[in-house]
Amino acid sequence: MIEQDILENQVNSVYLGIGSNLGNKINNIELAKSKLIFNDIMIVKSSSYYESLSWPDNNNPKFYNIVVKALTKLSLLELMNICKTIETNLGRKKRIRNAPRECDIDIIDFNKKKLKGKINLPHSRMHKRNFVLFPLFEIDKTWKHPVSKHSIKKLLLSLKNRDIRSIKQI
């Protein structure tokens, strides 16, 4: 019983990617951050804003993205449910996959866990996404991918030139 109590009270270190490409993008992201804090997710670092092309359709509005490092006693499932609720509260609706959205919150890393299934950790495409790697590098230059063990610097250097040139810090 004591072991379970210790696990339940463990502080989890998480990295979240937050993005928006509809409405007031900065306001949407700031509201998402405040709702995370309200739900007992303590943000300890937040990156600058980065503007990137919408994927896979560059004709959609550009995204603003940030990455935050946070601490929480929430379980992974509780955190995921809160993120989905925040997205919905900020206006995200069921649309076709990768459609423009008011708010998108991705769990990039949760205690360096490796999971495959309903939840993939680390985020399955994060190592190819400039809008995750650049802000993540800004807030944690020592971060390593839990599966590949590649440093964040190595992951950045592995991006295609067009992905490096198509993102800008704002």
N, C-alpha and C. Protein backbone atom coordinates (compact mmCIF):
# COMPACT_ATOMS: atom_id res chain seq x y z
N MET A 1 0.82 -1.19 0.00
CA MET A 1 0.00 0.00 0.00
C MET A 1 0.86 1.26 0.00
N ILE A 2 1.96 1.24 0.74
CA ILE A 2 2.85 2.40 0.80
C ILE A 2 3.45 2.67 -0.58
N GLU A 3 3.84 1.61 -1.28
CA GLU A 3 4.43 1.77 -2.61
C GLU A 3 3.47 2.49 -3.56
N GLN A 4 2.20 2.14 -3.53
CA GLN A 4 1.21 2.77 -4.39
C GLN A 4 1.06 4.25 -4.04
N ASP A 5 1.06 4.59 -2.75
CA ASP A 5 0.95 5.98 -2.33
C ASP A 5 2.13 6.79 -2.85
N ILE A 6 3.32 6.22 -2.81
CA ILE A 6 4.51 6.92 -3.30
C ILE A 6 4.36 7.19 -4.79
N LEU A 7 3.92 6.20 -5.55
CA LEU A 7 3.74 6.39 -6.99
C LEU A 7 2.67 7.43 -7.30
N GLU A 8 1.60 7.43 -6.52
CA GLU A 8 0.52 8.38 -6.76
C GLU A 8 0.95 9.81 -6.50
N ASN A 9 1.90 10.01 -5.59
CA ASN A 9 2.34 11.36 -5.24
C ASN A 9 3.61 11.77 -5.97
N GLN A 10 4.06 10.96 -6.89
CA GLN A 10 5.27 11.26 -7.63
C GLN A 10 5.05 12.47 -8.52
N VAL A 11 6.04 13.35 -8.56
CA VAL A 11 5.98 14.50 -9.46
C VAL A 11 6.53 14.06 -10.81
N ASN A 12 5.74 14.26 -11.83
CA ASN A 12 6.11 13.87 -13.18
C ASN A 12 6.62 15.07 -13.96
N SER A 13 7.70 14.87 -14.67
CA SER A 13 8.27 15.90 -15.53
C SER A 13 7.75 15.67 -16.95
N VAL A 14 7.11 16.69 -17.51
CA VAL A 14 6.50 16.54 -18.83
C VAL A 14 6.88 17.70 -19.74
N TYR A 15 6.90 17.41 -21.02
CA TYR A 15 7.08 18.43 -22.05
C TYR A 15 5.83 18.39 -22.92
N LEU A 16 5.22 19.55 -23.09
CA LEU A 16 4.01 19.67 -23.89
C LEU A 16 4.26 20.63 -25.04
N GLY A 17 3.80 20.24 -26.22
CA GLY A 17 3.80 21.14 -27.37
C GLY A 17 2.41 21.74 -27.49
N ILE A 18 2.34 23.06 -27.58
CA ILE A 18 1.06 23.74 -27.69
C ILE A 18 1.08 24.58 -28.97
N GLY A 19 0.05 24.41 -29.80
CA GLY A 19 0.00 25.14 -31.05
C GLY A 19 -1.39 25.62 -31.39
N SER A 20 -1.45 26.58 -32.33
CA SER A 20 -2.71 27.13 -32.80
C SER A 20 -2.51 27.71 -34.19
N ASN A 21 -3.49 27.51 -35.07
CA ASN A 21 -3.44 28.21 -36.36
C ASN A 21 -4.80 28.75 -36.76
N LEU A 22 -5.70 28.91 -35.79
CA LEU A 22 -7.00 29.56 -36.03
C LEU A 22 -7.27 30.58 -34.93
N GLY A 23 -7.92 31.67 -35.29
CA GLY A 23 -8.29 32.69 -34.31
C GLY A 23 -7.08 33.47 -33.84
N ASN A 24 -7.16 33.98 -32.61
CA ASN A 24 -6.04 34.71 -32.02
C ASN A 24 -5.07 33.67 -31.45
N LYS A 25 -4.08 33.33 -32.25
CA LYS A 25 -3.20 32.21 -31.94
C LYS A 25 -2.45 32.37 -30.62
N ILE A 26 -1.89 33.55 -30.39
CA ILE A 26 -1.15 33.76 -29.15
C ILE A 26 -2.09 33.68 -27.96
N ASN A 27 -3.25 34.30 -28.07
CA ASN A 27 -4.23 34.25 -26.99
C ASN A 27 -4.67 32.80 -26.72
N ASN A 28 -4.89 32.03 -27.77
CA ASN A 28 -5.27 30.62 -27.60
C ASN A 28 -4.21 29.85 -26.81
N ILE A 29 -2.96 30.08 -27.14
CA ILE A 29 -1.86 29.38 -26.47
C ILE A 29 -1.75 29.84 -25.02
N GLU A 30 -1.86 31.14 -24.78
CA GLU A 30 -1.79 31.66 -23.41
C GLU A 30 -2.95 31.14 -22.56
N LEU A 31 -4.15 31.06 -23.15
CA LEU A 31 -5.29 30.49 -22.44
C LEU A 31 -5.05 29.02 -22.11
N ALA A 32 -4.47 28.30 -23.06
CA ALA A 32 -4.16 26.88 -22.81
C ALA A 32 -3.19 26.76 -21.63
N LYS A 33 -2.17 27.62 -21.61
CA LYS A 33 -1.20 27.59 -20.50
C LYS A 33 -1.89 27.88 -19.17
N SER A 34 -2.77 28.87 -19.14
CA SER A 34 -3.43 29.20 -17.87
C SER A 34 -4.36 28.07 -17.43
N LYS A 35 -5.01 27.39 -18.39
CA LYS A 35 -5.88 26.27 -18.04
C LYS A 35 -5.05 25.07 -17.54
N LEU A 36 -3.86 24.89 -18.08
CA LEU A 36 -2.97 23.84 -17.57
C LEU A 36 -2.61 24.12 -16.11
N ILE A 37 -2.24 25.37 -15.84
CA ILE A 37 -1.88 25.76 -14.47
C ILE A 37 -3.06 25.55 -13.53
N PHE A 38 -4.25 25.94 -13.96
CA PHE A 38 -5.46 25.78 -13.16
C PHE A 38 -5.71 24.31 -12.81
N ASN A 39 -5.23 23.40 -13.67
CA ASN A 39 -5.42 21.96 -13.47
C ASN A 39 -4.20 21.30 -12.82
N ASP A 40 -3.50 22.05 -11.99
CA ASP A 40 -2.37 21.52 -11.20
C ASP A 40 -1.20 21.04 -12.05
N ILE A 41 -0.97 21.72 -13.15
CA ILE A 41 0.19 21.45 -14.00
C ILE A 41 1.06 22.70 -13.91
N MET A 42 2.18 22.57 -13.20
CA MET A 42 3.03 23.73 -12.96
C MET A 42 4.04 23.90 -14.10
N ILE A 43 3.90 24.97 -14.84
CA ILE A 43 4.82 25.26 -15.94
C ILE A 43 6.09 25.87 -15.36
N VAL A 44 7.22 25.21 -15.61
CA VAL A 44 8.49 25.71 -15.09
C VAL A 44 9.33 26.42 -16.15
N LYS A 45 9.07 26.11 -17.41
CA LYS A 45 9.76 26.79 -18.52
C LYS A 45 8.82 26.83 -19.71
N SER A 46 8.89 27.94 -20.43
CA SER A 46 8.09 28.09 -21.65
C SER A 46 8.97 28.71 -22.72
N SER A 47 8.92 28.14 -23.91
CA SER A 47 9.73 28.65 -25.01
C SER A 47 9.12 29.92 -25.58
N SER A 48 9.87 30.52 -26.49
CA SER A 48 9.34 31.61 -27.31
C SER A 48 8.31 31.02 -28.26
N TYR A 49 7.62 31.90 -28.95
CA TYR A 49 6.69 31.45 -30.00
C TYR A 49 7.47 31.21 -31.28
N TYR A 50 7.05 30.19 -32.01
CA TYR A 50 7.64 29.87 -33.30
C TYR A 50 6.52 29.79 -34.33
N GLU A 51 6.76 30.38 -35.48
CA GLU A 51 5.79 30.33 -36.57
C GLU A 51 6.28 29.33 -37.60
N SER A 52 5.40 28.42 -37.99
CA SER A 52 5.78 27.40 -38.97
C SER A 52 4.63 27.16 -39.94
N LEU A 53 4.98 26.57 -41.06
CA LEU A 53 3.97 26.24 -42.06
C LEU A 53 3.05 25.15 -41.54
N SER A 54 1.81 25.20 -41.98
CA SER A 54 0.86 24.16 -41.63
C SER A 54 1.23 22.89 -42.38
N TRP A 55 1.09 21.75 -41.70
CA TRP A 55 1.42 20.47 -42.32
C TRP A 55 0.18 19.60 -42.28
N PRO A 56 -0.16 18.88 -43.30
CA PRO A 56 0.57 18.66 -44.55
C PRO A 56 0.22 19.67 -45.64
N ASP A 57 -0.74 20.56 -45.39
CA ASP A 57 -1.18 21.51 -46.42
C ASP A 57 -0.66 22.91 -46.09
N ASN A 58 0.40 23.32 -46.80
CA ASN A 58 1.01 24.63 -46.56
C ASN A 58 0.07 25.79 -46.88
N ASN A 59 -1.07 25.52 -47.55
CA ASN A 59 -2.02 26.57 -47.87
C ASN A 59 -2.89 26.94 -46.67
N ASN A 60 -2.94 26.09 -45.65
CA ASN A 60 -3.68 26.41 -44.43
C ASN A 60 -2.92 27.49 -43.67
N PRO A 61 -3.60 28.18 -42.73
CA PRO A 61 -2.91 29.23 -41.97
C PRO A 61 -1.68 28.68 -41.24
N LYS A 62 -0.67 29.54 -41.10
CA LYS A 62 0.55 29.15 -40.39
C LYS A 62 0.24 28.91 -38.91
N PHE A 63 1.04 28.04 -38.31
CA PHE A 63 0.91 27.72 -36.89
C PHE A 63 1.83 28.60 -36.05
N TYR A 64 1.38 28.90 -34.85
CA TYR A 64 2.24 29.39 -33.78
C TYR A 64 2.37 28.22 -32.82
N ASN A 65 3.59 27.95 -32.37
CA ASN A 65 3.85 26.83 -31.47
C ASN A 65 4.80 27.23 -30.36
N ILE A 66 4.65 26.58 -29.23
CA ILE A 66 5.60 26.68 -28.13
C ILE A 66 5.76 25.28 -27.54
N VAL A 67 6.79 25.12 -26.72
CA VAL A 67 6.94 23.92 -25.90
C VAL A 67 7.10 24.41 -24.47
N VAL A 68 6.42 23.72 -23.55
CA VAL A 68 6.57 24.03 -22.13
C VAL A 68 7.08 22.79 -21.41
N LYS A 69 7.90 23.05 -20.38
CA LYS A 69 8.28 21.99 -19.45
C LYS A 69 7.42 22.21 -18.23
N ALA A 70 6.82 21.14 -17.74
CA ALA A 70 5.91 21.26 -16.60
C ALA A 70 6.12 20.11 -15.63
N LEU A 71 5.64 20.33 -14.41
CA LEU A 71 5.65 19.32 -13.36
C LEU A 71 4.21 19.11 -12.91
N THR A 72 3.86 17.84 -12.70
CA THR A 72 2.50 17.53 -12.26
C THR A 72 2.49 16.21 -11.51
N LYS A 73 1.52 16.07 -10.63
CA LYS A 73 1.30 14.79 -9.95
C LYS A 73 0.24 13.97 -10.68
N LEU A 74 -0.29 14.52 -11.77
CA LEU A 74 -1.29 13.80 -12.56
C LEU A 74 -0.66 12.60 -13.25
N SER A 75 -1.46 11.57 -13.45
CA SER A 75 -1.01 10.41 -14.24
C SER A 75 -1.00 10.81 -15.72
N LEU A 76 -0.39 9.99 -16.53
CA LEU A 76 -0.36 10.24 -17.97
C LEU A 76 -1.78 10.33 -18.54
N LEU A 77 -2.64 9.41 -18.17
CA LEU A 77 -4.02 9.41 -18.67
C LEU A 77 -4.78 10.64 -18.21
N GLU A 78 -4.60 11.02 -16.95
CA GLU A 78 -5.26 12.25 -16.45
C GLU A 78 -4.77 13.47 -17.22
N LEU A 79 -3.47 13.55 -17.46
CA LEU A 79 -2.90 14.67 -18.21
C LEU A 79 -3.46 14.70 -19.62
N MET A 80 -3.51 13.56 -20.28
CA MET A 80 -4.04 13.50 -21.64
C MET A 80 -5.50 13.98 -21.67
N ASN A 81 -6.30 13.53 -20.71
CA ASN A 81 -7.70 13.93 -20.68
C ASN A 81 -7.86 15.43 -20.44
N ILE A 82 -7.03 16.00 -19.58
CA ILE A 82 -7.08 17.44 -19.35
C ILE A 82 -6.69 18.20 -20.61
N CYS A 83 -5.66 17.73 -21.30
CA CYS A 83 -5.24 18.40 -22.55
C CYS A 83 -6.37 18.38 -23.58
N LYS A 84 -7.04 17.25 -23.73
CA LYS A 84 -8.15 17.15 -24.69
C LYS A 84 -9.31 18.07 -24.29
N THR A 85 -9.59 18.15 -22.99
CA THR A 85 -10.66 19.03 -22.50
C THR A 85 -10.31 20.49 -22.78
N ILE A 86 -9.07 20.87 -22.54
CA ILE A 86 -8.64 22.25 -22.81
C ILE A 86 -8.78 22.57 -24.29
N GLU A 87 -8.35 21.65 -25.15
CA GLU A 87 -8.50 21.87 -26.60
C GLU A 87 -9.96 22.14 -26.96
N THR A 88 -10.85 21.32 -26.44
CA THR A 88 -12.28 21.46 -26.72
C THR A 88 -12.81 22.79 -26.17
N ASN A 89 -12.43 23.13 -24.94
CA ASN A 89 -12.88 24.38 -24.33
C ASN A 89 -12.42 25.61 -25.11
N LEU A 90 -11.30 25.48 -25.79
CA LEU A 90 -10.79 26.61 -26.57
C LEU A 90 -11.31 26.60 -28.01
N GLY A 91 -12.25 25.72 -28.30
CA GLY A 91 -12.93 25.76 -29.59
C GLY A 91 -12.56 24.68 -30.58
N ARG A 92 -11.66 23.78 -30.21
CA ARG A 92 -11.30 22.73 -31.16
C ARG A 92 -12.49 21.80 -31.38
N LYS A 93 -12.76 21.54 -32.65
CA LYS A 93 -13.87 20.67 -33.03
C LYS A 93 -13.34 19.46 -33.78
N LYS A 94 -14.16 18.42 -33.84
CA LYS A 94 -13.80 17.25 -34.65
C LYS A 94 -13.80 17.67 -36.11
N ARG A 95 -12.67 17.55 -36.75
CA ARG A 95 -12.52 17.88 -38.16
C ARG A 95 -11.68 16.78 -38.80
N ILE A 96 -11.42 16.93 -40.08
CA ILE A 96 -10.54 15.96 -40.72
C ILE A 96 -9.14 16.06 -40.09
N ARG A 97 -8.41 14.99 -40.15
CA ARG A 97 -7.07 14.92 -39.57
C ARG A 97 -6.19 16.04 -40.12
N ASN A 98 -5.44 16.69 -39.24
CA ASN A 98 -4.50 17.76 -39.56
C ASN A 98 -5.17 19.03 -40.08
N ALA A 99 -6.48 19.17 -39.87
CA ALA A 99 -7.18 20.39 -40.26
C ALA A 99 -6.74 21.53 -39.33
N PRO A 100 -6.91 22.79 -39.77
CA PRO A 100 -6.61 23.92 -38.88
C PRO A 100 -7.38 23.78 -37.56
N ARG A 101 -6.78 24.30 -36.49
CA ARG A 101 -7.42 24.17 -35.18
C ARG A 101 -7.02 25.33 -34.26
N GLU A 102 -7.94 25.61 -33.35
CA GLU A 102 -7.73 26.69 -32.39
C GLU A 102 -6.65 26.34 -31.37
N CYS A 103 -6.62 25.08 -31.00
CA CYS A 103 -5.66 24.65 -29.98
C CYS A 103 -5.30 23.18 -30.19
N ASP A 104 -4.02 22.91 -30.07
CA ASP A 104 -3.51 21.54 -30.16
C ASP A 104 -2.47 21.38 -29.06
N ILE A 105 -2.67 20.42 -28.19
CA ILE A 105 -1.71 20.15 -27.11
C ILE A 105 -1.24 18.71 -27.26
N ASP A 106 0.06 18.55 -27.47
CA ASP A 106 0.65 17.22 -27.61
C ASP A 106 1.57 16.96 -26.43
N ILE A 107 1.48 15.75 -25.90
CA ILE A 107 2.43 15.32 -24.87
C ILE A 107 3.67 14.82 -25.62
N ILE A 108 4.74 15.58 -25.50
CA ILE A 108 5.98 15.26 -26.20
C ILE A 108 6.78 14.22 -25.42
N ASP A 109 6.83 14.40 -24.11
CA ASP A 109 7.62 13.52 -23.25
C ASP A 109 6.97 13.51 -21.86
N PHE A 110 6.88 12.34 -21.27
CA PHE A 110 6.33 12.17 -19.92
C PHE A 110 7.29 11.29 -19.15
N ASN A 111 8.13 11.90 -18.33
CA ASN A 111 9.11 11.15 -17.51
C ASN A 111 10.00 10.23 -18.32
N LYS A 112 10.28 10.60 -19.55
CA LYS A 112 11.15 9.78 -20.42
C LYS A 112 10.57 8.39 -20.69
N LYS A 113 9.25 8.24 -20.51
CA LYS A 113 8.61 6.94 -20.73
C LYS A 113 8.60 6.58 -22.21
N LYS A 114 8.61 5.27 -22.46
CA LYS A 114 8.49 4.74 -23.82
C LYS A 114 7.22 3.90 -23.86
N LEU A 115 6.25 4.34 -24.66
CA LEU A 115 4.98 3.63 -24.79
C LEU A 115 4.55 3.57 -26.25
N LYS A 116 3.94 2.46 -26.61
CA LYS A 116 3.31 2.32 -27.94
C LYS A 116 1.92 1.79 -27.71
N GLY A 117 0.95 2.37 -28.40
CA GLY A 117 -0.44 1.94 -28.24
C GLY A 117 -1.37 3.12 -28.39
N LYS A 118 -2.35 3.21 -27.47
CA LYS A 118 -3.29 4.33 -27.51
C LYS A 118 -2.54 5.65 -27.35
N ILE A 119 -1.54 5.64 -26.50
CA ILE A 119 -0.66 6.79 -26.30
C ILE A 119 0.74 6.36 -26.71
N ASN A 120 1.36 7.16 -27.58
CA ASN A 120 2.74 6.90 -27.99
C ASN A 120 3.65 7.91 -27.31
N LEU A 121 4.63 7.38 -26.59
CA LEU A 121 5.62 8.25 -25.95
C LEU A 121 7.01 7.74 -26.23
N PRO A 122 7.94 8.62 -26.52
CA PRO A 122 7.70 10.03 -26.78
C PRO A 122 6.81 10.18 -28.02
N HIS A 123 6.32 11.40 -28.24
CA HIS A 123 5.45 11.64 -29.40
C HIS A 123 6.11 11.05 -30.64
N SER A 124 5.36 10.28 -31.41
CA SER A 124 5.94 9.45 -32.47
C SER A 124 6.61 10.22 -33.61
N ARG A 125 6.23 11.45 -33.86
CA ARG A 125 6.84 12.20 -34.96
C ARG A 125 7.61 13.43 -34.49
N MET A 126 7.77 13.56 -33.19
CA MET A 126 8.40 14.77 -32.66
C MET A 126 9.82 14.99 -33.19
N HIS A 127 10.54 13.93 -33.45
CA HIS A 127 11.93 14.06 -33.89
C HIS A 127 12.06 14.59 -35.32
N LYS A 128 10.94 14.69 -36.04
CA LYS A 128 10.94 15.21 -37.41
C LYS A 128 10.28 16.58 -37.51
N ARG A 129 9.83 17.13 -36.40
CA ARG A 129 9.03 18.35 -36.42
C ARG A 129 9.82 19.56 -35.92
N ASN A 130 10.07 20.47 -36.85
CA ASN A 130 10.82 21.67 -36.50
C ASN A 130 10.12 22.46 -35.41
N PHE A 131 8.77 22.48 -35.41
CA PHE A 131 8.02 23.27 -34.44
C PHE A 131 8.01 22.66 -33.05
N VAL A 132 8.55 21.45 -32.91
CA VAL A 132 8.76 20.84 -31.60
C VAL A 132 10.24 20.97 -31.21
N LEU A 133 11.12 20.65 -32.14
CA LEU A 133 12.55 20.61 -31.82
C LEU A 133 13.14 21.97 -31.47
N PHE A 134 12.82 23.01 -32.24
CA PHE A 134 13.39 24.32 -31.96
C PHE A 134 12.98 24.86 -30.58
N PRO A 135 11.67 24.87 -30.27
CA PRO A 135 11.31 25.36 -28.92
C PRO A 135 11.79 24.43 -27.80
N LEU A 136 11.84 23.13 -28.04
CA LEU A 136 12.36 22.20 -27.04
C LEU A 136 13.83 22.47 -26.76
N PHE A 137 14.60 22.70 -27.82
CA PHE A 137 16.02 23.03 -27.67
C PHE A 137 16.19 24.32 -26.87
N GLU A 138 15.31 25.29 -27.14
CA GLU A 138 15.41 26.57 -26.43
C GLU A 138 15.28 26.40 -24.92
N ILE A 139 14.39 25.51 -24.48
CA ILE A 139 14.16 25.38 -23.03
C ILE A 139 14.97 24.27 -22.37
N ASP A 140 15.52 23.34 -23.17
CA ASP A 140 16.32 22.26 -22.58
C ASP A 140 17.35 21.74 -23.58
N LYS A 141 18.51 22.35 -23.56
CA LYS A 141 19.56 22.00 -24.52
C LYS A 141 20.20 20.64 -24.23
N THR A 142 19.85 20.02 -23.11
CA THR A 142 20.42 18.71 -22.76
C THR A 142 19.43 17.56 -22.96
N TRP A 143 18.23 17.86 -23.46
CA TRP A 143 17.20 16.83 -23.62
C TRP A 143 17.67 15.75 -24.60
N LYS A 144 17.36 14.49 -24.27
CA LYS A 144 17.67 13.36 -25.16
C LYS A 144 16.40 12.58 -25.45
N HIS A 145 16.31 12.09 -26.67
CA HIS A 145 15.15 11.30 -27.08
C HIS A 145 15.17 9.98 -26.29
N PRO A 146 14.08 9.66 -25.60
CA PRO A 146 14.06 8.46 -24.76
C PRO A 146 14.27 7.14 -25.51
N VAL A 147 13.94 7.09 -26.79
CA VAL A 147 14.09 5.85 -27.55
C VAL A 147 15.43 5.81 -28.27
N SER A 148 15.67 6.80 -29.13
CA SER A 148 16.90 6.80 -29.94
C SER A 148 18.13 7.21 -29.14
N LYS A 149 17.91 7.90 -28.01
CA LYS A 149 18.98 8.44 -27.17
C LYS A 149 19.75 9.56 -27.86
N HIS A 150 19.24 10.04 -29.02
CA HIS A 150 19.89 11.16 -29.71
C HIS A 150 19.65 12.45 -28.93
N SER A 151 20.66 13.30 -28.91
CA SER A 151 20.53 14.59 -28.25
C SER A 151 19.62 15.49 -29.09
N ILE A 152 19.07 16.49 -28.45
CA ILE A 152 18.22 17.45 -29.16
C ILE A 152 19.02 18.15 -30.26
N LYS A 153 20.30 18.39 -30.02
CA LYS A 153 21.15 19.02 -31.04
C LYS A 153 21.25 18.12 -32.28
N LYS A 154 21.47 16.83 -32.06
CA LYS A 154 21.57 15.90 -33.19
C LYS A 154 20.25 15.83 -33.96
N LEU A 155 19.13 15.83 -33.24
CA LEU A 155 17.83 15.81 -33.91
C LEU A 155 17.61 17.06 -34.75
N LEU A 156 18.01 18.21 -34.21
CA LEU A 156 17.89 19.46 -34.99
C LEU A 156 18.73 19.40 -36.26
N LEU A 157 19.94 18.90 -36.12
CA LEU A 157 20.84 18.82 -37.28
C LEU A 157 20.36 17.82 -38.33
N SER A 158 19.49 16.91 -37.93
CA SER A 158 18.98 15.91 -38.88
C SER A 158 17.78 16.42 -39.68
N LEU A 159 17.26 17.61 -39.32
CA LEU A 159 16.14 18.17 -40.08
C LEU A 159 16.56 18.54 -41.49
N LYS A 160 15.63 18.48 -42.40
CA LYS A 160 15.89 18.92 -43.78
C LYS A 160 16.07 20.43 -43.79
N ASN A 161 16.88 20.91 -44.74
CA ASN A 161 17.14 22.35 -44.83
C ASN A 161 15.86 23.16 -44.95
N ARG A 162 14.89 22.68 -45.71
CA ARG A 162 13.65 23.43 -45.88
C ARG A 162 12.90 23.54 -44.56
N ASP A 163 13.02 22.52 -43.69
CA ASP A 163 12.37 22.57 -42.39
C ASP A 163 13.07 23.55 -41.46
N ILE A 164 14.36 23.70 -41.61
CA ILE A 164 15.12 24.66 -40.80
C ILE A 164 14.81 26.09 -41.27
N ARG A 165 14.73 26.29 -42.59
CA ARG A 165 14.48 27.62 -43.13
C ARG A 165 13.03 28.08 -43.01
N SER A 166 12.10 27.15 -42.84
CA SER A 166 10.67 27.51 -42.89
C SER A 166 10.07 27.84 -41.52
N ILE A 167 10.88 27.88 -40.49
CA ILE A 167 10.39 28.21 -39.16
C ILE A 167 11.08 29.47 -38.68
N LYS A 168 10.33 30.29 -37.95
CA LYS A 168 10.97 31.48 -37.39
C LYS A 168 10.46 31.75 -35.99
N GLN A 169 11.39 32.21 -35.16
CA GLN A 169 11.04 32.59 -33.79
C GLN A 169 10.39 33.97 -33.86
N ILE A 170 9.28 34.13 -33.12
CA ILE A 170 8.61 35.44 -33.13
C ILE A 170 8.50 36.01 -31.72
